[in-house]
Amino acid sequence: MESRIPEISTSKTNHKLNCSCFFCILSETIDPSVRRAKISQYLKQMPLIDDQEHVLVLSGLWKIAMAKPNDPEFPSLGIFTCMAKLIRKGVTHRTWLLRHQNIYIPYYAAHIIGSYTIKKPKFAKKAVKSFVVKPLLELLRGKISWVEQRVALRALAHLASHEATFEAVKVHEVEIIEAAINIACTCLNKVYDDFVGLKKSHRLKYHRNLLTRGLGGLELENRKAEEWASQLQCWSLYLLRCFACRERSLGLICKKRFLKDLCGMWGGISNPYSTSGIELLKTLCHIQMGRESIAGLQEVVECLCNVSRSSDERQHMAIESLVQLLEDPVTRYKVMDVVAPVLADLVELRDIKGKHHKVGKTIVHVLLRDYHKIKLCKVSLSKGTTRRLEELWDLKVERVKREKQMSVVEIREKEALSCVLKREGSERFFAGEVEKAVVKYSEALDLCPLKLRKERVVLHSNRAQCYLVLKDAESAISDATRALCLSGVARPHSKSLWRRSQAYDMKGLSKESLMDCLTFINTKGFKIPYYAAINFNKQMNSTWLFASAQSKRHRRRVKV
């Protein structure tokens, strides 16, 4: 546990420090022990002296920490104590904070702490022993602005991620959890109201300079603000995950309103690998209380289902979450009617980007684990779910057995008849008889040998197009997903991507539509179809990070 940081005198001393002095110490080729002693002395004196050039030293230290976060030199010379005192000084002495360029100092100080504690537990232990947690908490409370909250969250999340320093963060558990939840839910509105939604002349100058490093430009400011707002939300979620992984404060994290809000917390296409709402939901699905809470919220389960059948980089997280819900006997039949039809579309998925295990086989196993009970009506499920499980049993068990017993001649006959039916289906479609085309494509799929993956891709994709024309978005998504599973991740079937993107758009699922559209565009190289560009722009506007905040502000103005 931390003890109280000693009060810091704000009076000037007779000693003069300046940035040139500090950088001279760094650049001189002198005795290493002398150099270390001088750096240590400088760091000790820095919080005691009011110097307008401190911000230049902090900026230099920030660059060093970012470039060499594993270098033990500065952590061993008292940099954490120095940064903690500077943050406390900025929070408690507003007159000092607003003098010269001191407003930048708390930001850089918290950023330096976070950079040095990202990987090394021993650095994190030094930071805790240097009393950094309480000053960081002051920034987390919003004592200055959202910009400092972002780097404070980052630093606290790193401290919470290490076993050696988690206890020091846990001391303030309830406050941290409540603050992280509040920031995750409100930060996008906050950044929009305090920065993005303002005219350039009304924005805080130091915010603008920190965001663009002095390069300026409205477009760059907005782009960086969007990136930082996303990071602010993501660091909040990561900090919550650090507690959830240890099964701490689940009563706070698993509140219904927050779990529903998590569904909309998306890292965005600029942060495809960042912590997001789906990742926290995945963590909770590995915990009994988390699974039971999520299983009771159909909206959350449906969100996981949508991501599991999309081109989102987090697809594997959603699938893993759904599998966890199905493997738990307590939650299995609470979610089966929603989850089974969706996962049934993924049974021929062989791998996911970066995940080379047999995803489809895992799904088949968990869906059919107690199929005999379902067959004997010992389990109450909807007719639609029962039918999908029967189809899955026939596809992955009975049909496999039948085709193994067939001769080469019989297989070829089925293949030929399937081709005839496919051609008839296409003829019906172009004649405007779409429902009859669906029947023909379905008959062709029933006959087409399982090993003919390419042929089955086309049949599922063609049937998806029929469902699009019939305005049956869910069936179109199902068939397009099955086609994409068969085609594989390395070379996804482009037509199926586009058709699923259209179907998602039809259902109002902008994020899923955008990700499929983006993946479709990537398959086209430099030649982007006009219709795809139109849809891409439409979905980008709908999924813009601040779209909701902008809409709320507009509604407030209308009421006024």
Protein backbone atom coordinates (compact mmCIF):
# COMPACT_ATOMS: atom_id res chain seq x y z
CA MET A 1 0.00 0.00 0.00
CA GLU A 2 1.20 3.49 -0.75
CA SER A 3 1.99 5.99 1.97
CA ARG A 4 1.28 9.67 1.54
CA ILE A 5 3.55 11.62 -0.81
CA PRO A 6 5.38 14.39 1.03
CA GLU A 7 4.15 17.91 0.33
CA ILE A 8 6.19 19.72 -2.29
CA SER A 9 7.44 23.23 -1.84
CA THR A 10 6.57 25.53 -4.72
CA SER A 11 9.04 28.21 -3.74
CA LYS A 12 12.03 28.88 -5.93
CA THR A 13 15.45 27.83 -4.69
CA ASN A 14 18.81 29.35 -5.30
CA HIS A 15 19.75 26.49 -7.59
CA LYS A 16 19.13 27.03 -11.28
CA LEU A 17 18.12 24.13 -13.52
CA ASN A 18 17.61 24.43 -17.23
CA CYS A 19 17.02 22.10 -20.11
CA SER A 20 20.41 22.73 -21.69
CA CYS A 21 22.03 21.63 -18.43
CA PHE A 22 20.04 18.39 -18.47
CA PHE A 23 20.71 17.56 -22.11
CA CYS A 24 24.40 18.35 -21.61
CA ILE A 25 24.46 15.73 -18.85
CA LEU A 26 22.95 13.19 -21.24
CA SER A 27 25.33 13.96 -24.10
CA GLU A 28 28.61 14.23 -22.21
CA THR A 29 30.97 11.27 -22.41
CA ILE A 30 31.97 11.31 -18.78
CA ASP A 31 32.40 8.69 -16.10
CA PRO A 32 29.11 6.67 -16.02
CA SER A 33 28.88 6.96 -12.23
CA VAL A 34 29.25 10.74 -12.41
CA ARG A 35 26.62 10.94 -15.17
CA ARG A 36 24.20 8.86 -13.11
CA ALA A 37 24.77 10.99 -10.03
CA LYS A 38 24.08 14.18 -11.99
CA ILE A 39 20.89 12.77 -13.54
CA SER A 40 19.69 11.61 -10.13
CA GLN A 41 20.35 15.00 -8.59
CA TYR A 42 18.57 16.76 -11.46
CA LEU A 43 15.47 14.56 -11.03
CA LYS A 44 15.44 15.24 -7.29
CA GLN A 45 15.61 19.02 -7.75
CA MET A 46 13.23 19.26 -10.70
CA PRO A 47 9.91 19.25 -8.72
CA LEU A 48 11.31 21.82 -6.26
CA ILE A 49 12.21 24.45 -8.83
CA ASP A 50 9.87 26.55 -10.98
CA ASP A 51 11.53 26.70 -14.39
CA GLN A 52 9.74 27.53 -17.64
CA GLU A 53 11.96 25.07 -19.54
CA HIS A 54 10.90 22.02 -17.50
CA VAL A 55 8.46 21.05 -20.23
CA LEU A 56 11.34 20.63 -22.71
CA VAL A 57 13.09 18.24 -20.31
CA LEU A 58 9.83 16.31 -19.79
CA SER A 59 9.32 16.11 -23.55
CA GLY A 60 12.84 14.72 -23.93
CA LEU A 61 12.29 12.17 -21.14
CA TRP A 62 9.00 11.16 -22.77
CA LYS A 63 10.80 10.44 -26.06
CA ILE A 64 13.44 8.39 -24.24
CA ALA A 65 10.79 6.40 -22.35
CA MET A 66 8.85 5.72 -25.54
CA ALA A 67 11.97 4.66 -27.45
CA LYS A 68 13.59 2.60 -24.67
CA PRO A 69 10.90 1.46 -22.20
CA ASN A 70 13.07 -1.45 -21.02
CA ASP A 71 16.18 0.64 -20.29
CA PRO A 72 16.74 0.56 -16.48
CA GLU A 73 18.78 3.78 -16.30
CA PHE A 74 16.10 6.36 -15.52
CA PRO A 75 13.86 4.04 -13.44
CA SER A 76 16.88 3.34 -11.23
CA LEU A 77 17.69 7.05 -10.82
CA GLY A 78 14.39 8.25 -9.36
CA ILE A 79 12.33 9.17 -12.40
CA PHE A 80 9.13 7.71 -10.89
CA THR A 81 9.43 9.80 -7.72
CA CYS A 82 10.09 12.89 -9.83
CA MET A 83 7.07 12.26 -12.09
CA ALA A 84 4.77 11.53 -9.13
CA LYS A 85 5.74 14.80 -7.46
CA LEU A 86 5.26 16.78 -10.67
CA ILE A 87 1.77 15.34 -11.18
CA ARG A 88 0.83 16.12 -7.60
CA LYS A 89 2.20 19.63 -7.99
CA GLY A 90 0.11 20.16 -11.12
CA VAL A 91 -3.07 18.89 -9.45
CA THR A 92 -2.72 20.79 -6.17
CA HIS A 93 -1.15 24.07 -7.32
CA ARG A 94 -3.26 25.52 -10.10
CA THR A 95 -1.31 28.78 -10.21
CA TRP A 96 1.87 26.84 -10.96
CA LEU A 97 0.05 24.64 -13.50
CA LEU A 98 -1.09 27.66 -15.52
CA ARG A 99 2.31 29.36 -15.45
CA HIS A 100 4.68 29.15 -18.43
CA GLN A 101 4.05 25.83 -20.23
CA ASN A 102 3.56 23.80 -17.04
CA ILE A 103 0.12 22.66 -18.25
CA TYR A 104 1.95 20.06 -20.38
CA ILE A 105 3.92 18.58 -17.47
CA PRO A 106 1.28 16.27 -15.83
CA TYR A 107 0.52 14.73 -19.23
CA TYR A 108 4.17 13.97 -19.98
CA ALA A 109 4.82 12.76 -16.43
CA ALA A 110 1.95 10.23 -16.50
CA HIS A 111 2.94 9.13 -20.01
CA ILE A 112 6.53 8.48 -18.84
CA ILE A 113 5.28 6.35 -15.92
CA GLY A 114 3.07 4.36 -18.27
CA SER A 115 5.84 3.81 -20.82
CA TYR A 116 8.34 2.48 -18.29
CA THR A 117 5.82 0.14 -16.63
CA ILE A 118 4.38 -1.43 -19.78
CA LYS A 119 6.57 -4.56 -19.83
CA LYS A 120 8.90 -4.74 -16.84
CA PRO A 121 7.34 -5.84 -13.50
CA LYS A 122 10.46 -4.65 -11.66
CA PHE A 123 9.97 -1.14 -13.07
CA ALA A 124 6.32 -1.29 -12.03
CA LYS A 125 7.39 -2.22 -8.47
CA LYS A 126 9.76 0.76 -8.40
CA ALA A 127 6.92 2.99 -9.59
CA VAL A 128 4.61 1.80 -6.81
CA LYS A 129 7.34 2.26 -4.20
CA SER A 130 7.76 5.80 -5.58
CA PHE A 131 4.09 6.56 -4.73
CA VAL A 132 2.79 7.01 -8.28
CA VAL A 133 -0.67 5.50 -7.78
CA LYS A 134 -2.33 8.34 -5.87
CA PRO A 135 -1.17 11.09 -8.25
CA LEU A 136 -2.38 8.99 -11.18
CA LEU A 137 -5.72 8.59 -9.41
CA GLU A 138 -6.00 12.37 -9.22
CA LEU A 139 -5.69 12.55 -12.99
CA LEU A 140 -8.13 9.64 -13.37
CA ARG A 141 -10.70 11.67 -11.40
CA GLY A 142 -10.51 14.31 -14.14
CA LYS A 143 -8.74 16.93 -12.03
CA ILE A 144 -7.25 18.43 -15.20
CA SER A 145 -8.82 17.09 -18.45
CA TRP A 146 -9.55 14.01 -20.54
CA VAL A 147 -6.09 14.22 -22.12
CA GLU A 148 -4.43 13.51 -18.76
CA GLN A 149 -7.08 10.88 -17.96
CA ARG A 150 -5.97 8.94 -21.02
CA VAL A 151 -2.33 8.60 -19.95
CA ALA A 152 -3.29 8.02 -16.30
CA LEU A 153 -5.53 5.13 -17.36
CA ARG A 154 -2.71 3.74 -19.47
CA ALA A 155 -0.26 3.84 -16.55
CA LEU A 156 -2.73 2.38 -14.03
CA ALA A 157 -3.66 -0.39 -16.46
CA HIS A 158 0.00 -1.36 -16.80
CA LEU A 159 0.43 -1.42 -13.02
CA ALA A 160 -2.74 -3.51 -12.66
CA SER A 161 -1.57 -5.97 -15.32
CA HIS A 162 1.48 -7.06 -13.28
CA GLU A 163 0.97 -9.52 -10.43
CA ALA A 164 3.70 -7.74 -8.48
CA THR A 165 1.85 -4.40 -8.46
CA PHE A 166 -1.82 -5.35 -8.75
CA GLU A 167 -2.26 -5.18 -4.98
CA ALA A 168 -1.22 -1.52 -4.93
CA VAL A 169 -3.94 -0.70 -7.49
CA LYS A 170 -6.49 -2.98 -5.80
CA VAL A 171 -6.35 -0.79 -2.68
CA HIS A 172 -8.44 1.74 -4.63
CA GLU A 173 -10.48 -0.93 -6.41
CA VAL A 174 -14.03 0.40 -6.17
CA GLU A 175 -13.09 3.94 -7.15
CA ILE A 176 -10.98 2.73 -10.07
CA ILE A 177 -13.66 0.34 -11.35
CA GLU A 178 -16.41 2.95 -11.13
CA ALA A 179 -14.21 5.57 -12.80
CA ALA A 180 -13.16 3.19 -15.60
CA ILE A 181 -16.77 2.20 -16.28
CA ASN A 182 -17.88 5.83 -16.33
CA ILE A 183 -15.04 6.87 -18.64
CA ALA A 184 -15.67 3.94 -21.00
CA CYS A 185 -19.34 4.90 -21.28
CA THR A 186 -18.97 8.67 -21.53
CA CYS A 187 -15.53 9.46 -22.97
CA LEU A 188 -16.65 9.72 -26.60
CA ASN A 189 -19.27 12.32 -25.68
CA LYS A 190 -16.71 14.08 -23.50
CA VAL A 191 -14.04 14.33 -26.20
CA TYR A 192 -16.60 15.45 -28.77
CA ASP A 193 -18.11 18.13 -26.50
CA ASP A 194 -14.75 19.39 -25.22
CA PHE A 195 -12.77 19.23 -28.45
CA VAL A 196 -14.03 17.72 -31.71
CA GLY A 197 -17.38 19.51 -31.67
CA LEU A 198 -15.77 22.90 -31.03
CA LYS A 199 -14.49 25.41 -33.54
CA LYS A 200 -10.72 25.40 -33.86
CA SER A 201 -10.45 28.76 -32.14
CA HIS A 202 -12.38 27.44 -29.11
CA ARG A 203 -10.22 24.38 -28.57
CA LEU A 204 -7.63 24.38 -25.79
CA LYS A 205 -4.29 25.24 -27.34
CA TYR A 206 -2.30 22.73 -25.32
CA HIS A 207 -4.69 19.95 -26.36
CA ARG A 208 -4.17 20.86 -29.99
CA ASN A 209 -0.39 20.93 -29.57
CA LEU A 210 -0.27 17.58 -27.75
CA LEU A 211 -2.45 15.94 -30.38
CA THR A 212 -0.48 17.18 -33.38
CA ARG A 213 2.98 17.77 -31.84
CA GLY A 214 2.75 21.33 -33.05
CA LEU A 215 2.08 20.45 -36.69
CA GLY A 216 -1.44 21.90 -36.53
CA GLY A 217 -4.20 21.49 -39.08
CA LEU A 218 -7.87 20.86 -38.34
CA GLU A 219 -7.98 17.52 -40.17
CA LEU A 220 -4.98 16.16 -38.26
CA GLU A 221 -6.41 17.40 -34.95
CA ASN A 222 -9.72 15.65 -35.58
CA ARG A 223 -8.06 12.43 -36.69
CA LYS A 224 -5.79 12.32 -33.64
CA ALA A 225 -8.66 13.24 -31.30
CA GLU A 226 -10.64 10.30 -32.67
CA GLU A 227 -7.66 8.02 -32.14
CA TRP A 228 -7.09 9.25 -28.59
CA ALA A 229 -10.79 8.98 -27.69
CA SER A 230 -10.75 5.38 -28.87
CA GLN A 231 -7.63 4.75 -26.79
CA LEU A 232 -9.23 6.39 -23.76
CA GLN A 233 -12.12 3.96 -24.02
CA CYS A 234 -9.88 0.99 -24.76
CA TRP A 235 -7.55 1.67 -21.81
CA SER A 236 -10.61 1.87 -19.55
CA LEU A 237 -11.75 -1.53 -20.79
CA TYR A 238 -8.26 -2.99 -20.43
CA LEU A 239 -8.09 -1.78 -16.82
CA LEU A 240 -11.47 -3.42 -16.16
CA ARG A 241 -10.19 -6.64 -17.73
CA CYS A 242 -7.26 -6.66 -15.30
CA PHE A 243 -9.78 -6.86 -12.47
CA ALA A 244 -12.18 -9.20 -14.26
CA CYS A 245 -9.40 -11.70 -15.01
CA ARG A 246 -8.85 -11.95 -11.26
CA GLU A 247 -12.62 -12.15 -10.67
CA ARG A 248 -12.64 -8.84 -8.83
CA SER A 249 -15.59 -6.40 -8.70
CA LEU A 250 -17.72 -8.58 -10.98
CA GLY A 251 -20.84 -7.18 -9.32
CA LEU A 252 -19.94 -3.74 -10.70
CA ILE A 253 -18.66 -4.89 -14.10
CA CYS A 254 -21.59 -7.23 -14.77
CA LYS A 255 -24.34 -4.66 -14.36
CA LYS A 256 -26.91 -4.98 -17.14
CA ARG A 257 -26.60 -1.44 -18.43
CA PHE A 258 -22.84 -1.64 -18.72
CA LEU A 259 -22.86 -5.05 -20.42
CA LYS A 260 -25.28 -3.67 -23.02
CA ASP A 261 -23.08 -0.60 -23.50
CA LEU A 262 -20.07 -2.86 -24.08
CA CYS A 263 -21.63 -4.11 -27.31
CA GLY A 264 -21.11 -0.71 -28.90
CA MET A 265 -17.56 -0.19 -27.66
CA TRP A 266 -15.55 -0.94 -30.76
CA GLY A 267 -11.89 -0.16 -31.35
CA GLY A 268 -12.70 0.87 -34.92
CA ILE A 269 -10.84 0.09 -38.12
CA SER A 270 -7.96 2.33 -37.02
CA ASN A 271 -7.46 0.16 -33.89
CA PRO A 272 -8.33 -3.35 -35.11
CA TYR A 273 -6.25 -5.12 -32.46
CA SER A 274 -7.09 -2.88 -29.51
CA THR A 275 -9.00 -3.88 -26.43
CA SER A 276 -12.70 -3.47 -27.07
CA GLY A 277 -16.05 -4.34 -25.57
CA ILE A 278 -15.95 -7.78 -27.21
CA GLU A 279 -12.64 -8.57 -25.54
CA LEU A 280 -14.01 -7.76 -22.09
CA LEU A 281 -17.11 -9.83 -22.83
CA LYS A 282 -14.84 -12.71 -23.80
CA THR A 283 -13.04 -12.41 -20.46
CA LEU A 284 -16.35 -12.46 -18.61
CA CYS A 285 -17.46 -15.55 -20.54
CA HIS A 286 -14.60 -17.45 -18.92
CA ILE A 287 -16.08 -16.72 -15.47
CA GLN A 288 -19.24 -18.31 -14.07
CA MET A 289 -20.82 -15.08 -12.89
CA GLY A 290 -19.93 -13.39 -16.16
CA ARG A 291 -21.48 -16.16 -18.25
CA GLU A 292 -24.70 -16.10 -16.26
CA SER A 293 -24.96 -12.32 -16.52
CA ILE A 294 -24.36 -12.31 -20.29
CA ALA A 295 -26.68 -15.28 -20.93
CA GLY A 296 -29.52 -13.29 -19.37
CA LEU A 297 -29.13 -10.44 -21.86
CA GLN A 298 -30.28 -11.41 -25.36
CA GLU A 299 -29.04 -8.10 -26.79
CA VAL A 300 -25.49 -8.94 -25.68
CA VAL A 301 -25.67 -12.51 -26.96
CA GLU A 302 -26.93 -11.26 -30.33
CA CYS A 303 -24.02 -8.81 -30.48
CA LEU A 304 -21.56 -11.68 -30.01
CA CYS A 305 -23.40 -13.61 -32.73
CA ASN A 306 -23.11 -10.70 -35.19
CA VAL A 307 -19.37 -10.33 -34.61
CA SER A 308 -18.84 -14.10 -34.92
CA ARG A 309 -20.22 -13.92 -38.48
CA SER A 310 -18.29 -10.88 -39.65
CA SER A 311 -14.92 -9.80 -41.02
CA ASP A 312 -14.10 -8.07 -37.73
CA GLU A 313 -10.62 -8.85 -36.40
CA ARG A 314 -12.32 -9.82 -33.14
CA GLN A 315 -14.34 -12.62 -34.74
CA HIS A 316 -12.40 -15.30 -32.86
CA MET A 317 -13.17 -13.57 -29.52
CA ALA A 318 -16.89 -13.65 -30.23
CA ILE A 319 -16.80 -17.31 -31.28
CA GLU A 320 -14.82 -18.25 -28.18
CA SER A 321 -17.34 -16.40 -26.01
CA LEU A 322 -20.30 -18.20 -27.57
CA VAL A 323 -18.59 -21.58 -27.20
CA GLN A 324 -17.99 -20.85 -23.51
CA LEU A 325 -21.69 -20.07 -23.05
CA LEU A 326 -22.66 -23.35 -24.74
CA GLU A 327 -20.18 -25.46 -22.80
CA ASP A 328 -21.56 -24.30 -19.46
CA PRO A 329 -24.60 -26.46 -18.51
CA VAL A 330 -26.05 -23.52 -16.57
CA THR A 331 -26.11 -21.16 -19.58
CA ARG A 332 -26.22 -23.63 -22.50
CA TYR A 333 -29.97 -23.79 -22.99
CA LYS A 334 -30.53 -20.16 -22.08
CA VAL A 335 -28.68 -19.12 -25.24
CA MET A 336 -29.05 -22.15 -27.51
CA ASP A 337 -31.97 -20.79 -29.55
CA VAL A 338 -30.05 -17.61 -30.35
CA VAL A 339 -26.55 -19.03 -30.70
CA ALA A 340 -26.99 -22.42 -32.41
CA PRO A 341 -28.35 -21.15 -35.78
CA VAL A 342 -25.48 -18.65 -35.98
CA LEU A 343 -22.66 -21.02 -35.05
CA ALA A 344 -24.12 -23.62 -37.40
CA ASP A 345 -23.10 -21.33 -40.26
CA LEU A 346 -19.47 -21.52 -39.09
CA VAL A 347 -18.99 -25.28 -38.83
CA GLU A 348 -16.83 -25.39 -41.96
CA LEU A 349 -14.58 -22.57 -40.80
CA ARG A 350 -11.09 -24.03 -40.74
CA ASP A 351 -9.19 -21.12 -39.24
CA ILE A 352 -9.34 -17.42 -38.45
CA LYS A 353 -6.69 -14.77 -39.03
CA GLY A 354 -3.85 -15.67 -36.71
CA LYS A 355 -5.82 -18.59 -35.24
CA HIS A 356 -4.96 -21.87 -36.94
CA HIS A 357 -6.84 -24.31 -34.74
CA LYS A 358 -9.84 -26.18 -36.20
CA VAL A 359 -12.55 -23.69 -35.32
CA GLY A 360 -15.30 -25.51 -37.20
CA LYS A 361 -14.63 -28.83 -35.48
CA THR A 362 -14.84 -27.16 -32.08
CA ILE A 363 -18.20 -25.64 -32.99
CA VAL A 364 -19.57 -28.96 -34.28
CA HIS A 365 -18.51 -30.70 -31.10
CA VAL A 366 -20.15 -28.17 -28.78
CA LEU A 367 -23.38 -27.92 -30.79
CA LEU A 368 -23.90 -31.67 -31.14
CA ARG A 369 -22.62 -32.65 -27.71
CA ASP A 370 -26.06 -33.78 -26.46
CA TYR A 371 -27.81 -34.17 -29.80
CA HIS A 372 -29.41 -37.46 -28.64
CA LYS A 373 -31.33 -35.53 -25.94
CA ILE A 374 -32.53 -33.02 -28.51
CA LYS A 375 -33.55 -35.83 -30.89
CA LEU A 376 -35.56 -37.53 -28.15
CA CYS A 377 -37.21 -34.19 -27.24
CA LYS A 378 -35.69 -34.24 -23.75
CA VAL A 379 -34.60 -30.66 -24.28
CA SER A 380 -37.00 -27.85 -25.14
CA LEU A 381 -35.78 -25.81 -28.11
CA SER A 382 -37.48 -23.80 -30.83
CA LYS A 383 -38.42 -25.60 -34.05
CA GLY A 384 -35.96 -23.49 -36.00
CA THR A 385 -33.04 -24.40 -33.71
CA THR A 386 -33.98 -28.08 -33.73
CA ARG A 387 -34.13 -28.04 -37.54
CA ARG A 388 -30.70 -26.40 -37.82
CA LEU A 389 -29.16 -28.97 -35.48
CA GLU A 390 -30.76 -31.78 -37.49
CA GLU A 391 -29.30 -30.27 -40.68
CA LEU A 392 -25.91 -30.01 -38.98
CA TRP A 393 -26.04 -33.65 -37.86
CA ASP A 394 -26.90 -34.71 -41.39
CA LEU A 395 -24.12 -32.53 -42.89
CA LYS A 396 -21.27 -33.43 -40.55
CA VAL A 397 -22.19 -37.00 -39.54
CA GLU A 398 -24.70 -38.82 -41.76
CA ARG A 399 -23.65 -37.29 -45.05
CA VAL A 400 -19.97 -37.88 -44.35
CA LYS A 401 -20.75 -41.57 -43.75
CA ARG A 402 -22.86 -41.86 -46.89
CA GLU A 403 -20.27 -40.27 -49.17
CA LYS A 404 -17.49 -42.48 -47.78
CA GLN A 405 -19.49 -45.52 -48.87
CA MET A 406 -20.14 -44.17 -52.39
CA SER A 407 -18.14 -45.25 -55.39
CA VAL A 408 -16.29 -42.80 -57.64
CA VAL A 409 -19.01 -43.21 -60.28
CA GLU A 410 -21.78 -42.36 -57.81
CA ILE A 411 -19.90 -39.27 -56.63
CA ARG A 412 -19.47 -38.08 -60.22
CA GLU A 413 -23.16 -38.65 -60.96
CA LYS A 414 -24.15 -36.53 -57.96
CA GLU A 415 -21.71 -33.84 -59.05
CA ALA A 416 -23.15 -33.78 -62.57
CA LEU A 417 -26.74 -33.60 -61.36
CA SER A 418 -25.77 -30.82 -58.94
CA CYS A 419 -24.33 -28.82 -61.85
CA VAL A 420 -27.58 -29.25 -63.81
CA LEU A 421 -29.63 -28.02 -60.86
CA LYS A 422 -27.29 -25.08 -60.37
CA ARG A 423 -27.73 -24.08 -64.01
CA GLU A 424 -31.50 -24.38 -63.68
CA GLY A 425 -31.39 -22.24 -60.55
CA SER A 426 -29.51 -19.51 -62.41
CA GLU A 427 -31.99 -19.64 -65.25
CA ARG A 428 -34.89 -19.27 -62.81
CA PHE A 429 -33.17 -16.35 -61.09
CA PHE A 430 -32.58 -14.39 -64.29
CA ALA A 431 -36.15 -15.13 -65.35
CA GLY A 432 -37.33 -13.38 -62.20
CA GLU A 433 -38.52 -16.60 -60.52
CA VAL A 434 -36.35 -16.05 -57.44
CA GLU A 435 -38.19 -18.37 -55.04
CA LYS A 436 -37.94 -21.25 -57.53
CA ALA A 437 -34.23 -20.44 -57.93
CA VAL A 438 -33.80 -20.90 -54.16
CA VAL A 439 -35.38 -24.35 -54.40
CA LYS A 440 -33.05 -25.37 -57.24
CA TYR A 441 -29.91 -24.11 -55.45
CA SER A 442 -31.01 -25.95 -52.29
CA GLU A 443 -31.47 -29.20 -54.22
CA ALA A 444 -28.05 -28.70 -55.82
CA LEU A 445 -26.46 -28.22 -52.38
CA ASP A 446 -28.07 -31.42 -51.11
CA LEU A 447 -26.48 -33.34 -53.95
CA CYS A 448 -23.11 -31.60 -54.30
CA PRO A 449 -20.34 -33.78 -52.75
CA LEU A 450 -18.82 -32.28 -49.60
CA LYS A 451 -15.30 -32.39 -50.98
CA LEU A 452 -16.26 -29.99 -53.81
CA ARG A 453 -15.78 -26.88 -51.69
CA LYS A 454 -15.51 -24.41 -54.59
CA GLU A 455 -18.76 -25.59 -56.12
CA ARG A 456 -20.52 -25.35 -52.76
CA VAL A 457 -19.16 -21.83 -52.27
CA VAL A 458 -20.86 -20.70 -55.49
CA LEU A 459 -24.14 -22.43 -54.63
CA HIS A 460 -24.34 -20.84 -51.17
CA SER A 461 -23.36 -17.45 -52.57
CA ASN A 462 -25.95 -17.65 -55.36
CA ARG A 463 -28.64 -18.59 -52.89
CA ALA A 464 -27.57 -15.64 -50.71
CA GLN A 465 -28.16 -13.34 -53.68
CA CYS A 466 -31.66 -14.79 -54.06
CA TYR A 467 -32.41 -14.06 -50.42
CA LEU A 468 -31.17 -10.49 -50.87
CA VAL A 469 -33.65 -9.99 -53.71
CA LEU A 470 -36.38 -11.49 -51.49
CA LYS A 471 -35.38 -9.05 -48.68
CA ASP A 472 -34.56 -11.97 -46.36
CA ALA A 473 -31.41 -10.47 -44.82
CA GLU A 474 -30.87 -13.15 -42.15
CA SER A 475 -30.93 -16.02 -44.68
CA ALA A 476 -28.60 -14.05 -46.97
CA ILE A 477 -26.13 -13.55 -44.11
CA SER A 478 -26.33 -17.25 -43.27
CA ASP A 479 -25.59 -18.43 -46.81
CA ALA A 480 -22.90 -15.83 -47.45
CA THR A 481 -21.20 -16.81 -44.18
CA ARG A 482 -21.23 -20.49 -45.13
CA ALA A 483 -19.73 -19.62 -48.51
CA LEU A 484 -16.98 -17.59 -46.84
CA CYS A 485 -16.18 -20.40 -44.40
CA LEU A 486 -15.79 -22.78 -47.32
CA SER A 487 -13.62 -20.37 -49.33
CA GLY A 488 -11.24 -19.81 -46.42
CA VAL A 489 -9.69 -16.77 -44.77
CA ALA A 490 -6.69 -16.43 -47.07
CA ARG A 491 -8.83 -15.95 -50.19
CA PRO A 492 -12.37 -15.04 -49.18
CA HIS A 493 -15.06 -15.28 -51.84
CA SER A 494 -15.48 -11.65 -52.90
CA LYS A 495 -19.09 -11.90 -54.10
CA SER A 496 -20.11 -13.43 -50.78
CA LEU A 497 -18.40 -10.62 -48.89
CA TRP A 498 -20.30 -8.04 -50.89
CA ARG A 499 -23.61 -9.86 -50.53
CA ARG A 500 -23.19 -10.22 -46.78
CA SER A 501 -22.25 -6.55 -46.54
CA GLN A 502 -25.51 -5.67 -48.30
CA ALA A 503 -27.49 -7.97 -46.00
CA TYR A 504 -25.95 -6.41 -42.89
CA ASP A 505 -26.80 -2.99 -44.26
CA MET A 506 -30.37 -4.19 -44.76
CA LYS A 507 -30.51 -5.13 -41.07
CA GLY A 508 -29.00 -1.81 -39.98
CA LEU A 509 -25.75 -3.41 -38.74
CA SER A 510 -23.40 -0.73 -40.02
CA LYS A 511 -20.18 -1.96 -38.39
CA GLU A 512 -20.53 -5.49 -39.74
CA SER A 513 -21.47 -4.12 -43.17
CA LEU A 514 -18.43 -1.83 -43.13
CA MET A 515 -15.97 -4.60 -42.22
CA ASP A 516 -17.27 -6.88 -45.00
CA CYS A 517 -17.23 -3.99 -47.46
CA LEU A 518 -13.64 -3.13 -46.50
CA THR A 519 -12.53 -6.75 -46.89
CA PHE A 520 -14.33 -6.89 -50.25
CA ILE A 521 -12.51 -3.76 -51.41
CA ASN A 522 -9.19 -5.30 -50.36
CA THR A 523 -9.86 -8.27 -52.65
CA LYS A 524 -10.21 -5.88 -55.59
CA GLY A 525 -6.75 -4.36 -55.34
CA PHE A 526 -6.54 -0.83 -56.71
CA LYS A 527 -9.79 -1.04 -58.66
CA ILE A 528 -12.52 -0.17 -56.16
CA PRO A 529 -16.03 -0.60 -57.62
CA TYR A 530 -18.12 2.54 -57.47
CA TYR A 531 -20.98 0.80 -55.65
CA ALA A 532 -18.56 -0.46 -52.98
CA ALA A 533 -17.13 3.04 -52.47
CA ILE A 534 -20.67 4.40 -51.98
CA ASN A 535 -21.47 1.77 -49.35
CA PHE A 536 -18.09 2.23 -47.65
CA ASN A 537 -18.66 5.98 -47.24
CA LYS A 538 -22.19 5.37 -45.97
CA GLN A 539 -21.07 2.90 -43.32
CA MET A 540 -18.04 5.00 -42.32
CA ASN A 541 -20.39 7.88 -41.56
CA SER A 542 -22.70 5.59 -39.59
CA THR A 543 -19.89 4.03 -37.57
CA TRP A 544 -17.88 7.22 -37.03
CA LEU A 545 -16.65 7.16 -33.46
CA PHE A 546 -18.43 10.42 -32.62
CA ALA A 547 -21.64 9.78 -34.58
CA SER A 548 -23.68 9.21 -31.43
CA ALA A 549 -22.12 12.19 -29.62
CA GLN A 550 -22.81 14.44 -32.60
CA SER A 551 -26.42 13.26 -32.72
CA LYS A 552 -26.88 13.91 -28.98
CA ARG A 553 -25.51 17.44 -29.28
CA HIS A 554 -27.81 18.10 -32.25
CA ARG A 555 -30.83 16.89 -30.25
CA ARG A 556 -29.87 19.16 -27.33
CA ARG A 557 -29.67 22.16 -29.67
CA VAL A 558 -33.06 21.34 -31.19
CA LYS A 559 -34.66 21.20 -27.73
CA VAL A 560 -33.15 24.56 -26.83
